[in-house]
Amino acid sequence: MKDNTKKLILCIGLPVLGGALIGWLTGTMGNYDDFVKPPLSPPGWLFPVVWTILYALMGYALWRALIRCDTSREQSSVLTIFSFQLALNYLWPVIFFVIDAYWAAVACLVALVIMIIWTMAEFMKHDNLASKLMIPYLLWCGFALYLNVGVAVLN
């Protein structure tokens, strides 16, 4: 298997599998039906579908950015920024669903949105499409922020 193909599989597989693992470990969506939810709240079944697609898109974007880096230092920068935003992504369901700290989860989402924008800017240095592939993720996290604030206010 070619090196770029292996890298592609890793770049897509790790976020998707990590998201599935964090969902399983936190029991995500277990108490979603019990919340008083803001308007436009989607059904619970939609979240894992959307997140799987978003994790695959962000992994593909990472791969595109990485293979267009000219130096190992550039690759390290791309990986570091991407990893920080992914860590915040994985932290949010722990704060929200396990700890039930809704306002802390809002702060985590704000930090995540900032990190996504930073990741997009870093990707843009190497590949315009890689940056654009992050737009659905950014929009979904903005929507998640609205839902999180709604849950924090209503519960």
Protein backbone atom coordinates (compact mmCIF):
# COMPACT_ATOMS: atom_id res chain seq x y z
CA MET A 1 0.00 0.00 0.00
CA LYS A 2 1.36 3.41 -0.91
CA ASP A 3 2.46 5.73 1.89
CA ASN A 4 -0.18 8.36 1.03
CA THR A 5 -2.92 5.73 1.10
CA LYS A 6 -1.83 4.58 4.56
CA LYS A 7 -1.72 8.19 5.70
CA LEU A 8 -5.24 8.76 4.30
CA ILE A 9 -6.62 5.73 6.13
CA LEU A 10 -5.01 6.90 9.38
CA CYS A 11 -6.14 10.51 8.96
CA ILE A 12 -9.75 9.47 8.42
CA GLY A 13 -9.81 6.42 10.64
CA LEU A 14 -8.41 7.96 13.80
CA PRO A 15 -10.98 10.76 14.17
CA VAL A 16 -13.87 8.45 13.21
CA LEU A 17 -12.79 5.68 15.59
CA GLY A 18 -11.91 8.18 18.31
CA GLY A 19 -15.35 9.76 18.01
CA ALA A 20 -17.02 6.35 18.20
CA LEU A 21 -14.93 5.43 21.22
CA ILE A 22 -15.63 8.65 23.10
CA GLY A 23 -19.34 8.23 22.31
CA TRP A 24 -19.28 4.71 23.68
CA LEU A 25 -17.24 5.65 26.77
CA THR A 26 -19.41 8.62 27.70
CA GLY A 27 -22.74 7.03 26.85
CA THR A 28 -23.40 10.05 24.68
CA MET A 29 -27.03 10.81 23.95
CA GLY A 30 -28.16 8.69 26.92
CA ASN A 31 -30.02 11.55 28.58
CA TYR A 32 -30.67 13.67 25.47
CA ASP A 33 -34.39 12.87 25.48
CA ASP A 34 -34.69 14.06 29.10
CA PHE A 35 -33.55 17.61 28.35
CA VAL A 36 -35.82 20.55 27.80
CA LYS A 37 -34.42 21.49 24.39
CA PRO A 38 -34.35 24.74 22.44
CA PRO A 39 -36.23 25.12 19.14
CA LEU A 40 -34.66 23.39 16.12
CA SER A 41 -33.22 20.58 18.23
CA PRO A 42 -32.72 17.57 15.97
CA PRO A 43 -33.66 14.02 16.97
CA GLY A 44 -30.97 12.15 18.88
CA TRP A 45 -30.34 9.60 16.12
CA LEU A 46 -29.04 12.34 13.83
CA PHE A 47 -25.99 13.20 15.95
CA PRO A 48 -23.93 10.02 15.40
CA VAL A 49 -24.70 10.14 11.67
CA VAL A 50 -23.59 13.76 11.34
CA TRP A 51 -20.53 13.29 13.55
CA THR A 52 -19.34 10.28 11.56
CA ILE A 53 -19.52 12.31 8.36
CA LEU A 54 -17.80 15.29 9.99
CA TYR A 55 -14.99 13.16 11.44
CA ALA A 56 -14.39 11.64 8.00
CA LEU A 57 -14.38 15.09 6.37
CA MET A 58 -11.97 16.53 8.91
CA GLY A 59 -9.71 13.51 8.53
CA TYR A 60 -9.69 13.90 4.77
CA ALA A 61 -8.95 17.61 5.20
CA LEU A 62 -6.06 16.77 7.52
CA TRP A 63 -4.65 14.34 4.97
CA ARG A 64 -4.88 16.92 2.17
CA ALA A 65 -3.08 19.50 4.30
CA LEU A 66 -0.40 17.06 5.45
CA ILE A 67 0.53 15.77 2.01
CA ARG A 68 0.98 19.33 0.79
CA CYS A 69 3.32 20.38 3.58
CA ASP A 70 6.84 21.10 2.34
CA THR A 71 8.67 20.35 5.59
CA SER A 72 8.30 18.14 8.65
CA ARG A 73 8.02 21.35 10.70
CA GLU A 74 4.92 22.35 8.69
CA GLN A 75 3.47 18.87 9.16
CA SER A 76 4.11 19.11 12.89
CA SER A 77 2.30 22.45 13.05
CA VAL A 78 -0.70 21.08 11.14
CA LEU A 79 -0.86 17.99 13.34
CA THR A 80 -0.50 19.95 16.57
CA ILE A 81 -3.29 22.41 15.83
CA PHE A 82 -5.55 19.67 14.47
CA SER A 83 -4.89 17.52 17.54
CA PHE A 84 -5.77 20.33 19.95
CA GLN A 85 -9.11 20.95 18.26
CA LEU A 86 -9.83 17.21 18.15
CA ALA A 87 -9.01 16.90 21.86
CA LEU A 88 -11.52 19.68 22.63
CA ASN A 89 -14.03 17.90 20.41
CA TYR A 90 -13.59 14.69 22.41
CA LEU A 91 -13.67 16.57 25.72
CA TRP A 92 -17.02 18.25 25.10
CA PRO A 93 -19.27 15.16 25.50
CA VAL A 94 -17.49 14.29 28.75
CA ILE A 95 -18.20 17.75 30.15
CA PHE A 96 -21.76 17.87 28.82
CA PHE A 97 -23.08 14.31 29.23
CA VAL A 98 -20.95 12.82 32.01
CA ILE A 99 -20.26 15.79 34.29
CA ASP A 100 -23.51 17.62 33.37
CA ALA A 101 -21.63 20.92 33.47
CA TYR A 102 -23.57 22.66 30.71
CA TRP A 103 -21.96 26.10 31.03
CA ALA A 104 -18.47 24.58 31.13
CA ALA A 105 -19.45 22.69 27.97
CA VAL A 106 -20.41 26.05 26.40
CA ALA A 107 -16.91 27.34 27.20
CA CYS A 108 -15.41 24.19 25.70
CA LEU A 109 -17.44 24.68 22.51
CA VAL A 110 -16.37 28.31 22.24
CA ALA A 111 -12.75 27.20 22.53
CA LEU A 112 -13.43 24.46 19.97
CA VAL A 113 -14.90 26.92 17.46
CA ILE A 114 -11.83 29.13 17.87
CA MET A 115 -9.55 26.12 17.36
CA ILE A 116 -11.49 25.02 14.27
CA ILE A 117 -11.00 28.47 12.75
CA TRP A 118 -7.29 28.31 13.61
CA THR A 119 -7.09 24.82 12.08
CA MET A 120 -8.79 26.09 8.93
CA ALA A 121 -6.30 28.96 8.71
CA GLU A 122 -3.40 26.53 9.09
CA PHE A 123 -4.86 24.19 6.47
CA MET A 124 -5.34 27.14 4.11
CA LYS A 125 -1.56 27.69 4.08
CA HIS A 126 -1.18 24.29 2.43
CA ASP A 127 -4.46 23.45 0.69
CA ASN A 128 -7.50 25.63 0.08
CA LEU A 129 -9.86 22.66 -0.25
CA ALA A 130 -8.64 21.21 3.07
CA SER A 131 -9.71 24.43 4.76
CA LYS A 132 -13.09 24.45 3.00
CA LEU A 133 -13.75 20.83 4.00
CA MET A 134 -13.81 22.05 7.61
CA ILE A 135 -16.72 24.46 6.99
CA PRO A 136 -19.49 21.90 7.71
CA TYR A 137 -17.74 21.01 10.96
CA LEU A 138 -17.49 24.67 11.94
CA LEU A 139 -21.17 25.23 11.14
CA TRP A 140 -22.26 22.13 13.05
CA CYS A 141 -20.22 23.19 16.09
CA GLY A 142 -21.83 26.63 15.90
CA PHE A 143 -25.23 24.90 15.88
CA ALA A 144 -24.09 22.68 18.78
CA LEU A 145 -23.13 25.84 20.66
CA TYR A 146 -26.68 27.19 20.17
CA LEU A 147 -28.13 23.87 21.39
CA ASN A 148 -25.74 23.73 24.36
CA VAL A 149 -26.61 27.27 25.47
CA GLY A 150 -30.29 26.40 25.06
CA VAL A 151 -29.95 23.31 27.25
CA ALA A 152 -27.95 25.26 29.83
CA VAL A 153 -30.63 27.96 30.02
CA LEU A 154 -33.64 25.63 29.95
CA ASN A 155 -32.39 22.97 32.34
